Structures are given as structure tokens and as C-alpha cells.
Protein backbone atom coordinates (compact mmCIF):
# COMPACT_ATOMS: atom_id res chain seq x y z
CA UNK A 1 -29.27 -6.63 22.12
CA UNK A 2 -25.48 -6.63 20.90
CA UNK A 3 -23.99 -4.53 18.05
CA UNK A 4 -20.99 -5.96 16.01
CA UNK A 5 -17.69 -4.42 14.12
CA UNK A 6 -16.61 -6.13 11.65
CA UNK A 7 -12.45 -5.48 11.27
CA UNK A 8 -11.21 -6.04 8.00
CA UNK A 9 -8.14 -3.52 6.98
CA UNK A 10 -8.62 -1.38 9.68
CA UNK A 11 -6.73 -3.24 12.54
CA UNK A 12 -6.92 -0.68 15.30
CA UNK A 13 -9.05 1.14 18.30
CA UNK A 14 -7.51 4.76 17.55
CA UNK A 15 -9.65 6.64 15.03
CA UNK A 16 -11.84 3.82 13.68
CA UNK A 17 -15.31 4.99 12.22
CA UNK A 18 -16.79 1.53 12.46
CA UNK A 19 -15.84 0.74 16.33
CA UNK A 20 -16.61 4.48 17.20
CA UNK A 21 -20.30 4.33 16.11
CA UNK A 22 -20.55 0.69 17.50
CA UNK A 23 -19.91 1.53 20.89
CA UNK A 24 -21.51 5.19 20.80
CA UNK A 25 -24.67 2.96 21.94
CA UNK A 26 -25.24 1.68 25.46
CA UNK A 27 -25.13 -1.89 23.93
CA UNK A 28 -22.58 -5.17 24.10
CA UNK A 29 -20.37 -4.78 21.85
CA UNK A 30 -18.63 -7.62 19.69
CA UNK A 31 -15.91 -8.14 17.13
CA UNK A 32 -15.69 -10.11 14.21
CA UNK A 33 -12.41 -10.66 11.83
CA UNK A 34 -11.93 -13.30 9.14
CA UNK A 35 -8.75 -14.65 7.71
CA UNK A 36 -9.39 -15.92 4.39
CA UNK A 37 -5.65 -16.68 3.16
CA UNK A 38 -6.96 -18.59 -0.40
CA UNK A 39 -8.42 -15.09 -1.11
CA UNK A 40 -5.39 -13.21 -0.09
CA UNK A 41 -3.18 -15.80 -2.43
CA UNK A 42 -5.87 -15.11 -5.07
CA UNK A 43 -4.64 -11.44 -4.66
CA UNK A 44 -1.51 -12.06 -4.64
CA UNK A 45 -0.67 -10.86 -0.68
CA UNK A 46 2.54 -12.77 0.54
CA UNK A 47 2.85 -14.39 3.67
CA UNK A 48 5.19 -11.63 4.99
CA UNK A 49 2.15 -9.62 4.73
CA UNK A 50 -0.23 -12.03 6.06
CA UNK A 51 1.91 -12.69 8.73
CA UNK A 52 1.82 -8.75 9.58
CA UNK A 53 -1.87 -8.95 9.46
CA UNK A 54 -1.57 -11.77 12.18
CA UNK A 55 0.74 -9.52 14.35
CA UNK A 56 -1.43 -6.66 14.00
CA UNK A 57 -4.59 -8.79 15.21
CA UNK A 58 -2.99 -10.07 18.19
CA UNK A 59 -2.45 -6.26 19.01
CA UNK A 60 -5.47 -5.40 18.05
CA UNK A 61 -7.32 -8.31 20.11
CA UNK A 62 -5.67 -6.55 23.51
CA UNK A 63 -6.35 -3.48 22.47
CA UNK A 64 -10.13 -4.52 22.24
CA UNK A 65 -9.93 -6.21 25.78
CA UNK A 66 -8.83 -3.24 27.43
CA UNK A 67 -11.76 -1.17 26.37
CA UNK A 68 -14.16 -4.45 27.23
CA UNK A 69 -14.78 -5.89 23.80
CA UNK A 70 -14.18 -9.20 23.11
CA UNK A 71 -12.57 -10.28 19.49
CA UNK A 72 -14.00 -13.48 17.38
CA UNK A 73 -11.50 -14.45 14.70
CA UNK A 74 -12.33 -17.31 12.38
CA UNK A 75 -10.08 -18.46 9.95
CA UNK A 76 -12.30 -18.64 6.66
CA UNK A 77 -10.95 -19.48 2.45
CA UNK A 78 -12.62 -16.91 0.61
CA UNK A 79 -14.87 -14.19 1.02
CA UNK A 80 -17.63 -15.95 0.05
CA UNK A 81 -17.34 -17.97 3.22
CA UNK A 82 -16.37 -15.18 5.55
CA UNK A 83 -19.79 -13.72 4.91
CA UNK A 84 -21.67 -16.99 5.55
CA UNK A 85 -19.80 -17.24 8.55
CA UNK A 86 -20.36 -13.51 9.71
CA UNK A 87 -24.13 -14.35 9.15
CA UNK A 88 -23.85 -17.61 11.51
CA UNK A 89 -22.43 -15.16 14.15
CA UNK A 90 -24.72 -12.70 14.31
CA UNK A 91 -27.69 -15.25 14.49
CA UNK A 92 -25.59 -17.11 17.37
CA UNK A 93 -25.15 -13.66 19.58
CA UNK A 94 -27.92 -12.06 18.28
CA UNK A 95 -26.59 -8.88 16.98
CA UNK A 96 -29.10 -6.39 15.72
CA UNK A 97 -26.41 -3.98 13.89
CA UNK A 98 -23.29 -4.59 12.36
CA UNK A 99 -21.10 -2.03 11.69
CA UNK A 100 -17.83 -1.64 9.07
CA UNK A 101 -15.69 0.31 7.04
CA UNK A 102 -15.63 0.34 3.22
CA UNK A 103 -13.12 -1.06 1.06
CA UNK A 104 -12.80 -0.18 -2.35
CA UNK A 105 -11.59 -3.45 -4.44
CA UNK A 106 -13.86 -4.62 -6.59
CA UNK A 107 -14.06 -8.49 -4.72
CA UNK A 108 -14.31 -6.47 -1.87
CA UNK A 109 -17.03 -4.41 -2.64
CA UNK A 110 -19.12 -7.58 -3.84
CA UNK A 111 -18.18 -8.98 -0.84
CA UNK A 112 -19.81 -6.38 1.52
CA UNK A 113 -22.99 -5.93 -1.13
CA UNK A 114 -23.56 -9.44 -0.46
CA UNK A 115 -22.97 -9.13 3.28
CA UNK A 116 -25.20 -6.58 3.48
CA UNK A 117 -28.14 -8.30 1.57
CA UNK A 118 -27.56 -11.56 3.35
CA UNK A 119 -27.89 -9.38 6.85
CA UNK A 120 -30.84 -7.29 5.71
CA UNK A 121 -32.99 -9.83 4.68
CA UNK A 122 -32.17 -11.92 8.40
CA UNK A 123 -33.31 -8.08 9.82
CA UNK A 124 -30.20 -7.60 10.96
CA UNK A 125 -29.10 -3.51 10.58
CA UNK A 126 -25.77 -2.77 8.76
CA UNK A 127 -24.09 0.54 8.72
CA UNK A 128 -20.98 1.09 6.66
CA UNK A 129 -18.55 3.99 7.33
CA UNK A 130 -16.00 5.30 5.37
CA UNK A 131 -12.20 4.98 6.98
CA UNK A 132 -9.27 4.38 4.01
CA UNK A 133 -9.30 7.83 2.93
CA UNK A 134 -9.97 11.33 4.15
CA UNK A 135 -12.73 11.98 1.16
CA UNK A 136 -14.81 9.14 0.36
CA UNK A 137 -14.28 7.89 -3.43
CA UNK A 138 -17.23 9.24 -5.13
CA UNK A 139 -16.65 12.88 -3.73
CA UNK A 140 -14.11 14.30 -5.46
CA UNK A 141 -15.49 14.95 -8.81
CA UNK A 142 -14.65 17.66 -12.02
CA UNK A 143 -17.53 19.91 -12.56
CA UNK A 144 -19.11 17.87 -14.75
CA UNK A 145 -19.41 15.29 -12.14
CA UNK A 146 -16.68 12.79 -13.59
CA UNK A 147 -13.83 11.59 -11.83
CA UNK A 148 -10.66 13.20 -11.97
CA UNK A 149 -8.23 11.37 -14.21
CA UNK A 150 -4.92 13.21 -13.65
CA UNK A 151 -3.29 14.02 -9.76
CA UNK A 152 -3.20 18.18 -9.82
CA UNK A 153 -6.80 18.92 -10.74
CA UNK A 154 -7.79 16.19 -8.21
CA UNK A 155 -5.38 17.33 -5.67
CA UNK A 156 -6.71 20.98 -5.99
CA UNK A 157 -10.29 20.20 -5.48
CA UNK A 158 -9.86 17.53 -2.77
CA UNK A 159 -7.49 20.43 -0.52
CA UNK A 160 -10.83 22.29 -1.46
CA UNK A 161 -13.08 20.08 0.14
CA UNK A 162 -10.37 18.56 2.96
CA UNK A 163 -10.02 21.80 4.65
CA UNK A 164 -13.69 22.65 5.06
CA UNK A 165 -13.50 19.63 7.39
CA UNK A 166 -12.49 19.44 10.40
CA UNK A 167 -9.16 16.99 10.22
CA UNK A 168 -9.97 15.40 13.70
CA UNK A 169 -9.35 12.03 14.21
CA UNK A 170 -11.91 10.11 16.66
CA UNK A 171 -11.04 9.12 20.09
CA UNK A 172 -10.52 5.89 21.12
CA UNK A 173 -13.90 4.68 22.56
CA UNK A 174 -14.02 4.28 26.75
CA UNK A 175 -14.10 0.87 28.43
CA UNK A 176 -16.95 -0.57 28.72
CA UNK A 177 -18.52 -3.95 30.33
CA UNK A 178 -17.71 -6.73 29.24
CA UNK A 179 -20.02 -9.18 27.39
CA UNK A 180 -20.30 -12.88 28.58
CA UNK A 181 -17.98 -13.75 25.42
CA UNK A 182 -14.91 -15.21 25.23
CA UNK A 183 -12.16 -13.55 22.66
CA UNK A 184 -10.77 -16.24 20.28
CA UNK A 185 -7.21 -17.23 21.79
CA UNK A 186 -4.32 -15.50 20.80
CA UNK A 187 -2.47 -18.50 20.13
CA UNK A 188 -5.49 -19.81 17.66
CA UNK A 189 -4.90 -17.22 15.59
CA UNK A 190 -1.07 -17.37 16.04
CA UNK A 191 -0.75 -20.40 14.25
CA UNK A 192 -3.00 -19.44 10.55
CA UNK A 193 0.38 -18.02 9.47
CA UNK A 194 4.02 -18.46 10.28
CA UNK A 195 6.23 -15.31 11.19
CA UNK A 196 8.71 -14.85 8.13
CA UNK A 197 12.29 -13.59 7.97
CA UNK A 198 10.96 -9.72 7.08
CA UNK A 199 8.59 -9.49 9.75
CA UNK A 200 11.47 -9.53 11.79
CA UNK A 201 11.55 -5.82 11.36
CA UNK A 202 8.41 -4.80 11.88
CA UNK A 203 6.97 -4.14 15.20
CA UNK A 204 3.14 -4.53 14.71
CA UNK A 205 0.39 -2.62 16.46
CA UNK A 206 -1.07 0.44 16.73
CA UNK A 207 1.31 1.76 19.81
CA UNK A 208 4.29 1.41 17.61
CA UNK A 209 2.22 2.72 14.21
CA UNK A 210 1.10 6.08 16.44
CA UNK A 211 4.94 6.21 18.12
CA UNK A 212 6.30 6.13 14.32
CA UNK A 213 4.27 8.36 13.25
CA UNK A 214 4.43 11.15 16.22
CA UNK A 215 8.95 10.41 15.98
CA UNK A 216 8.53 11.15 12.40
CA UNK A 217 5.95 14.48 12.84
CA UNK A 218 8.74 15.59 15.63
CA UNK A 219 12.15 14.76 14.31
CA UNK A 220 12.30 13.94 10.30
CA UNK A 221 9.04 15.79 8.46
CA UNK A 222 10.31 18.96 7.82
CA UNK A 223 13.21 17.28 6.03
CA UNK A 224 11.21 15.28 3.86
CA UNK A 225 11.53 17.15 0.49
CA UNK A 226 15.47 17.30 0.69
CA UNK A 227 16.13 13.92 2.37
CA UNK A 228 13.08 11.26 0.49
CA UNK A 229 14.81 10.60 -2.53
CA UNK A 230 18.01 9.28 -1.23
CA UNK A 231 17.93 5.52 -0.07
CA UNK A 232 20.95 5.16 2.49
CA UNK A 233 19.48 8.47 4.55
CA UNK A 234 16.35 7.64 7.13
CA UNK A 235 14.19 10.12 4.89
CA UNK A 236 10.83 8.66 4.33
CA UNK A 237 8.23 8.16 7.32
CA UNK A 238 8.08 4.40 6.69
CA UNK A 239 4.13 4.28 7.73
CA UNK A 240 2.67 2.57 4.68
CA UNK A 241 2.69 -1.04 6.67
CA UNK A 242 0.87 0.67 8.74
CA UNK A 243 -1.45 2.28 6.65
CA UNK A 244 -1.91 -0.80 4.75
CA UNK A 245 -3.38 -2.66 7.32
CA UNK A 246 -5.30 0.19 9.06
CA UNK A 247 -3.60 -0.34 12.56
CA UNK A 248 -2.76 3.64 11.36
CA UNK A 249 -5.42 5.99 9.65
CA UNK A 250 -4.58 8.09 6.90
CA UNK A 251 -6.54 11.19 8.86
CA UNK A 252 -4.34 10.54 11.67
CA UNK A 253 -1.48 11.04 9.55
CA UNK A 254 -2.84 14.34 8.04
CA UNK A 255 -3.30 15.68 11.36
CA UNK A 256 0.07 15.17 12.37
CA UNK A 257 1.19 16.73 9.41
CA UNK A 258 -1.23 19.63 9.52
CA UNK A 259 0.10 20.26 13.30
CA UNK A 260 3.51 20.51 12.53
CA UNK A 261 2.57 22.76 9.73
CA UNK A 262 0.79 25.26 12.17
CA UNK A 263 -2.53 23.98 10.07
CA UNK A 264 -0.99 25.26 6.81
CA UNK A 265 -2.59 23.61 4.03
CA UNK A 266 -1.01 25.98 1.12
CA UNK A 267 2.31 27.31 2.77
CA UNK A 268 4.49 26.56 5.50
CA UNK A 269 7.37 24.00 5.70
CA UNK A 270 8.30 22.59 1.82
CA UNK A 271 9.20 18.95 3.78
CA UNK A 272 5.52 19.07 5.22
CA UNK A 273 3.90 20.25 2.00
CA UNK A 274 5.77 17.39 0.20
CA UNK A 275 4.57 14.73 2.46
CA UNK A 276 0.99 15.82 2.84
CA UNK A 277 1.10 16.16 -1.41
CA UNK A 278 1.93 11.82 -1.49
CA UNK A 279 -0.68 11.49 1.05
CA UNK A 280 -3.02 12.78 -1.61
CA UNK A 281 -1.20 10.72 -4.08
CA UNK A 282 -2.46 7.69 -2.12
CA UNK A 283 -5.97 9.38 -2.41
CA UNK A 284 -6.13 9.68 -5.30
CA UNK A 285 -5.15 5.81 -6.05
CA UNK A 286 -8.03 5.01 -3.98
CA UNK A 287 -10.77 6.95 -6.03
CA UNK A 288 -9.62 5.82 -8.84
CA UNK A 289 -10.00 1.93 -7.99
CA UNK A 290 -13.57 2.97 -7.01
CA UNK A 291 -14.44 4.84 -10.24
CA UNK A 292 -12.50 2.69 -12.81
CA UNK A 293 -13.15 -0.84 -11.24
CA UNK A 294 -11.98 -2.35 -14.51
CA UNK A 295 -8.23 -1.71 -12.39
CA UNK A 296 -9.02 -4.30 -10.35
CA UNK A 297 -9.15 -6.78 -13.45
CA UNK A 298 -5.72 -6.24 -14.56
CA UNK A 299 -6.47 -3.83 -17.14
CA UNK A 300 -4.58 -0.84 -18.38
CA UNK A 301 -6.10 2.70 -17.32
CA UNK A 302 -4.86 3.92 -20.81
CA UNK A 303 -6.63 1.97 -23.25
CA UNK A 304 -4.24 2.10 -26.01
CA UNK A 305 -1.51 0.94 -24.25
CA UNK A 306 -3.31 -2.71 -24.24
CA UNK A 307 -1.63 -3.14 -27.97
CA UNK A 308 1.64 -2.79 -26.17
CA UNK A 309 4.09 -6.18 -27.16
CA UNK A 310 5.90 -6.40 -23.91
CA UNK A 311 7.93 -9.73 -24.63
CA UNK A 312 7.98 -12.68 -22.40
CA UNK A 313 11.41 -13.36 -21.01
CA UNK A 314 11.56 -15.79 -18.08
CA UNK A 315 15.26 -15.22 -17.37
CA UNK A 316 14.90 -11.47 -17.57
CA UNK A 317 12.73 -11.78 -15.36
CA UNK A 318 14.19 -13.91 -12.54
CA UNK A 319 17.44 -11.45 -12.45
CA UNK A 320 15.14 -9.01 -12.21
CA UNK A 321 13.41 -10.70 -9.43
CA UNK A 322 16.93 -11.78 -7.66
CA UNK A 323 19.06 -8.27 -7.86
CA UNK A 324 21.39 -10.03 -10.51
CA UNK A 325 20.55 -7.39 -13.65
CA UNK A 326 24.19 -6.05 -13.07
CA UNK A 327 22.78 -2.63 -12.24
CA UNK A 328 23.54 -1.94 -9.11
CA UNK A 329 21.20 0.28 -8.09
CA UNK A 330 18.18 -1.97 -9.46
CA UNK A 331 19.91 -4.88 -7.42
CA UNK A 332 20.15 -3.69 -4.62
CA UNK A 333 16.80 -2.53 -4.18
CA UNK A 334 15.43 -5.67 -5.47
CA UNK A 335 18.03 -7.53 -2.24
CA UNK A 336 16.42 -4.66 -0.61
CA UNK A 337 12.93 -5.84 -0.81
CA UNK A 338 13.30 -9.84 -0.45
CA UNK A 339 14.90 -8.87 3.42
CA UNK A 340 13.18 -6.40 4.00
CA UNK A 341 9.78 -6.91 2.71
CA UNK A 342 10.06 -3.05 1.89
CA UNK A 343 11.73 -0.51 -0.57
CA UNK A 344 12.21 2.62 -0.65
CA UNK A 345 9.99 4.73 -2.76
CA UNK A 346 12.36 6.28 -5.21
CA UNK A 347 13.81 2.72 -5.84
CA UNK A 348 10.36 1.33 -6.54
CA UNK A 349 10.18 4.07 -9.71
CA UNK A 350 13.74 3.10 -10.73
CA UNK A 351 13.06 -1.08 -10.35
CA UNK A 352 9.88 -0.33 -11.70
CA UNK A 353 10.95 1.51 -14.97
CA UNK A 354 13.58 -1.12 -15.29
CA UNK A 355 11.57 -3.64 -15.48
CA UNK A 356 9.57 -2.11 -18.12
CA UNK A 357 10.94 0.07 -19.79
CA UNK A 358 14.52 -1.76 -20.29
CA UNK A 359 13.22 -5.32 -20.03
CA UNK A 360 10.01 -4.59 -21.58
CA UNK A 361 8.50 -6.89 -19.71
CA UNK A 362 4.80 -6.40 -18.77
CA UNK A 363 3.94 -4.13 -15.83
CA UNK A 364 1.91 -6.65 -14.66
CA UNK A 365 4.43 -9.30 -14.05
CA UNK A 366 6.09 -6.53 -11.78
CA UNK A 367 3.07 -5.27 -9.93
CA UNK A 368 2.20 -9.05 -8.90
CA UNK A 369 5.79 -9.79 -7.32
CA UNK A 370 5.46 -6.76 -5.31
CA UNK A 371 2.30 -7.63 -4.07
CA UNK A 372 3.72 -10.99 -2.95
CA UNK A 373 7.00 -9.14 -1.18
CA UNK A 374 5.81 -6.27 0.14
CA UNK A 375 4.95 -6.09 3.85
CA UNK A 376 2.99 -2.71 3.06
CA UNK A 377 1.35 -4.36 -0.32
CA UNK A 378 -1.64 -2.44 -1.25
CA UNK A 379 -3.77 -2.82 -4.24
CA UNK A 380 -4.08 0.51 -5.20
CA UNK A 381 -1.21 2.31 -4.49
CA UNK A 382 0.95 -0.58 -6.24
CA UNK A 383 -0.99 -0.88 -9.16
CA UNK A 384 -1.03 3.11 -9.45
CA UNK A 385 2.91 3.31 -9.06
CA UNK A 386 3.45 0.12 -11.53
CA UNK A 387 0.80 1.67 -14.25
CA UNK A 388 2.88 5.35 -13.85
CA UNK A 389 6.04 3.42 -14.29
CA UNK A 390 5.17 1.57 -16.99
CA UNK A 391 3.02 4.84 -18.98
CA UNK A 392 0.15 3.41 -18.86
CA UNK A 393 -1.37 4.55 -16.06
CA UNK A 394 -3.60 7.64 -14.94
CA UNK A 395 -1.05 10.75 -14.96
CA UNK A 396 1.54 8.39 -16.29
CA UNK A 397 5.22 9.07 -16.47
CA UNK A 398 5.37 10.34 -20.30
CA UNK A 399 6.52 6.96 -22.41
CA UNK A 400 10.03 8.59 -23.51
CA UNK A 401 10.62 9.30 -19.64
CA UNK A 402 13.13 6.49 -18.48
CA UNK A 403 15.17 6.48 -15.70
CA UNK A 404 18.75 5.52 -16.37
CA UNK A 405 19.24 3.64 -13.40
CA UNK A 406 23.17 4.52 -13.40
CA UNK A 407 22.31 8.15 -13.13
CA UNK A 408 19.82 7.54 -10.65
CA UNK A 409 22.35 5.78 -8.58
CA UNK A 410 24.66 8.33 -9.32
CA UNK A 411 22.25 11.60 -8.28
CA UNK A 412 20.52 9.71 -5.16
CA UNK A 413 23.60 7.65 -3.91
CA UNK A 414 26.63 9.50 -4.54
CA UNK A 415 29.15 7.56 -2.61
CA UNK A 416 27.46 4.20 -2.97
CA UNK A 417 26.23 3.86 0.47
CA UNK A 418 22.85 2.21 -0.12
CA UNK A 419 24.71 -0.11 -2.89
CA UNK A 420 27.59 -1.30 -0.58
CA UNK A 421 25.41 -2.22 2.17
CA UNK A 422 22.65 -4.44 0.19
CA UNK A 423 25.90 -5.46 -2.44
CA UNK A 424 29.10 -6.16 0.10
CA UNK A 425 30.72 -7.94 -3.09
CA UNK A 426 31.21 -4.33 -4.73
CA UNK A 427 32.24 -3.45 -1.51
CA UNK A 428 35.98 -2.20 -2.72
CA UNK A 429 35.21 0.03 -5.59
CA UNK A 430 35.58 3.34 -5.41
CA UNK A 431 32.55 5.63 -5.40
CA UNK A 432 32.75 6.35 -9.18
CA UNK A 433 33.07 2.27 -10.04
CA UNK A 434 30.49 1.14 -8.14
CA UNK A 435 27.54 2.69 -10.03
CA UNK A 436 28.74 0.90 -13.28
CA UNK A 437 31.82 -1.24 -12.51
CA UNK A 438 34.02 -2.05 -15.58
CA UNK A 439 33.23 -5.85 -16.77
CA UNK A 440 37.28 -6.71 -15.54
CA UNK A 441 36.05 -5.05 -11.72
CA UNK A 442 32.96 -6.85 -12.20
CA UNK A 443 34.35 -10.77 -12.69
CA UNK A 444 37.02 -9.80 -9.92
CA UNK A 445 34.01 -9.18 -7.68
CA UNK A 446 31.75 -11.60 -8.72
CA UNK A 447 29.05 -9.23 -9.94
CA UNK A 448 27.26 -10.16 -12.93
CA UNK A 449 27.39 -8.08 -16.37
CA UNK A 450 24.65 -5.65 -17.42
CA UNK A 451 21.67 -7.93 -19.18
CA UNK A 452 20.75 -4.96 -20.78
CA UNK A 453 22.02 -1.93 -22.79
CA UNK A 454 20.61 0.98 -21.66
CA UNK A 455 20.53 2.82 -25.17
CA UNK A 456 18.89 0.09 -27.22
CA UNK A 457 16.23 -0.03 -24.24
CA UNK A 458 15.30 3.60 -24.63
CA UNK A 459 15.12 3.72 -28.25
CA UNK A 460 12.98 0.46 -28.15
CA UNK A 461 10.21 1.49 -25.91
CA UNK A 462 10.07 4.70 -27.93
CA UNK A 463 9.80 2.59 -30.99
CA UNK A 464 6.49 0.79 -29.46
CA UNK A 465 5.03 3.57 -27.76
CA UNK A 466 5.13 5.23 -30.85
CA UNK A 467 3.56 3.04 -32.96
CA UNK A 468 0.27 2.75 -30.87
CA UNK A 469 -0.51 6.25 -32.22
CA UNK A 470 -1.68 4.31 -35.29
CA UNK A 471 -3.47 1.87 -33.42
CA UNK A 472 -5.24 3.97 -31.22
CA UNK A 473 -6.63 5.74 -34.59
CA UNK A 474 -7.58 2.78 -36.30
């Protein structure tokens, strides 16, 4: 008898509920993974993130070998193909029980329902486990039994439930006897996606993920509240790529934060509390896509905002993508994204508000571009962030809240260190000039003039959202 683990976005050995359950038996254990590039592309997963998946898969295969579990990885075009291949492998290797960790996006849920049905009909046991969040979606509800639509009350309920449970990561399984099955050759897996330029900046694997977590918890977490908004500082954890592919578990992150805070939930160091708050935001967005699956269909969370008359302007959209808007902090952030496949969180909000509330371009355009570029592209967090910035989402920024890029730049990059790094053409400008260079200075530096007027943009977005009140009442 043999049991199997179906890996997806949980590419780690440590603190992996599905793997832990499979290895709790005395049976031989196999691991499966199906790489579905056509489906990934349909979900706007860019090549940088796809290659990061591959790199973490390679690391996972080696980690599994050390505990006596061979990884069988197959390339399939789409989720439907992967389910058929899963059934074939289960039959081929005599699998009696399959374990996997749940995913909450709509297509992924349909895939898992299909797999459960096919395997059950084939008399193969299926057990799913909760992994992507500390608390399972559907478990944090209002007193009336409905999902929370606003973050703050969700957080209060979440903390009450979370503190009752031991936030203790599962140990890695112990070494067991290796089945007489050859793991898929690493050379075969490596050929599925070529490395992209941005991948050079991100070392893959759980070992690296946990090293970064330990380093952050030891050296920077206490200063997180004070430093997290300044993009020139190394003030954030930069763990999001590892959470996105599952090389690191959210439970391990929360446990590390609580350990550094003497296991205090409601008091202690402000920096640690602020970081825990960000982890709860991540949970909130996961719960939203589970409870409101229309979000996975491109719908706005606030129905009235479906009537916003966003403009289509390919030239302005390209200027935003290429970092040539004439707003230094926006352009520097977009160039950081194109180079690293990652962007500082404060700047994600700045650039998102710029696209939606200055250029008046649909948030879906930005959401799609970010997913295609980000190495940490996670649908729930990305969708939640974009809809928050565009004032169409849950607990969204009020429509009249529009970040002034110049003021954001002056406040969070006062001496222009971040801008100079990513816009070297502005190196000769002083700290006051660099945030909004004069027209002549722009010409001399060969830097573009602003493509939009901030005040005109603010007036326009206010008028548009105010007009929705009449539509909503009609």
C-alpha cells in the first residue's frame, strides 16, 4: 500500500499538513506535482514567477529525497489535464490515499472538486488539509453567520479564534525507507521554464525562506512599523515570494512574530504587532476570495463601482508600465518592478492609485500587469490591494483619498535615495528638485514631463464616484 501527497502552492517539507499526514502512516509515500503553464498563463502568472516555482520545486525534490519521498513531476497544459494525470499515476502506483492542501481560488477549487470525484469513484481515499491560512476560510464569521466585509472586525474575530489554538508549526517528517520509484530528474524539471533576469535576485527553497524569516525576526521586525514605508530602507521582510509558492507557511511567520513578542497578541513591540497585522490582512484577502468567488471572475467587490467609466488609453498605460510617467516616485517604482519582479508595498499603493485615480484606467489593467511581473504574485492579495487602491473593494480607501505622488515621494524618500537608484538620469538633482523636477531640468536630464495634472485628476475621480450615487439608487 502506498499513500501520496499532491503538491501545489505548498512547496516545502517543513510545516506541511498534507505531507505530515501522509508521513504519519507506515506506508510508502510518493509526492506528485503537475506544472500547468497554459493554465498559469491564463491566470496571468508571469515567467519570473513560473521560474521561481520551478526553482522551489527543484529544491523541494531534493528535500523530499532526504526524507525518503520521491517527487514525480509532470508537465500538463491545464488543470483538467493534471487531474487526469493524477488519476493515472494513482492507479499506476497503487495509491490508496491521497493528501493535498486546499487552495481557494475558483478554478483551483473546481479542479480539486473534480479530482475528489474521480479518485473517490476509483476507490482512492482523498483527504484535504488546511494550509494557506492559519484559520480556514468560512471559520471566521459574524454573529449572524455571514462573512466579514471589513477588515477591523474581521481582525478582532480572527485574533480571538487564533489565540485559542496553538500556533505551533508542524515538524518536518522523519526519514523513512525510500520506495523503489525513481524521482523525476531535476534536469527535466529545469527545462520547463528558462530563468528570467529577475530570478537572479531571489534564491529559492525553504532553507532560504526560513533563513530570511529568522533574520527578519531577529534583526528588523521590531523596527518594522517605523521603517516599512521607506522604500530606500531594508525595512520589510521580503518574504512574500516564499509565501506565494508555499516555500514558507503563514503559521511559521505568525509563530516567529509571536515568539519575538513574548507571545503577546495585543501588546508588546509596535513593529511586531504591525507585521502581524499585515499577515492578518493576507488572511482577510484569502477569506474574501473564498466567501465571494465573484472576485475570481474580475468583478468589483462594491457592485456600484462596476459603473465607473474607466478610460481606455494604451499610451498612458504603456507610460505607466515602462516608468515614463514623469512622476519620479512612480517611475522608480515601476522600474524596480521590471528589474526585480518585486515592488515595495508602499509603492504598490502609490502606483496603483496613480493608474486608477490619475490616469483613470481600470484597476484590472494594473492587477493583470502586476500578476504578470511579480515574483510574489498572489491572486487574493493582488486583487485585494488593487481594489483597495481603486476604491472598489472591501474596506477600500475612500474614493476621495488620492495619494499625491510628489507628496508621497517627499515624505517617504525625502533625500531621493530610492529615486536616484532607479532613475540615474536624475542623479544630478538636489533633494528638493528630484521629487518634481522643473521643466527645464527635465529636458536637461532627458526625463519626461508629467503626463497628467494631479489636481485635474483628483477632481475627475471625485466627480465620477459621486455620480455613482445616482446610479446606485436608480
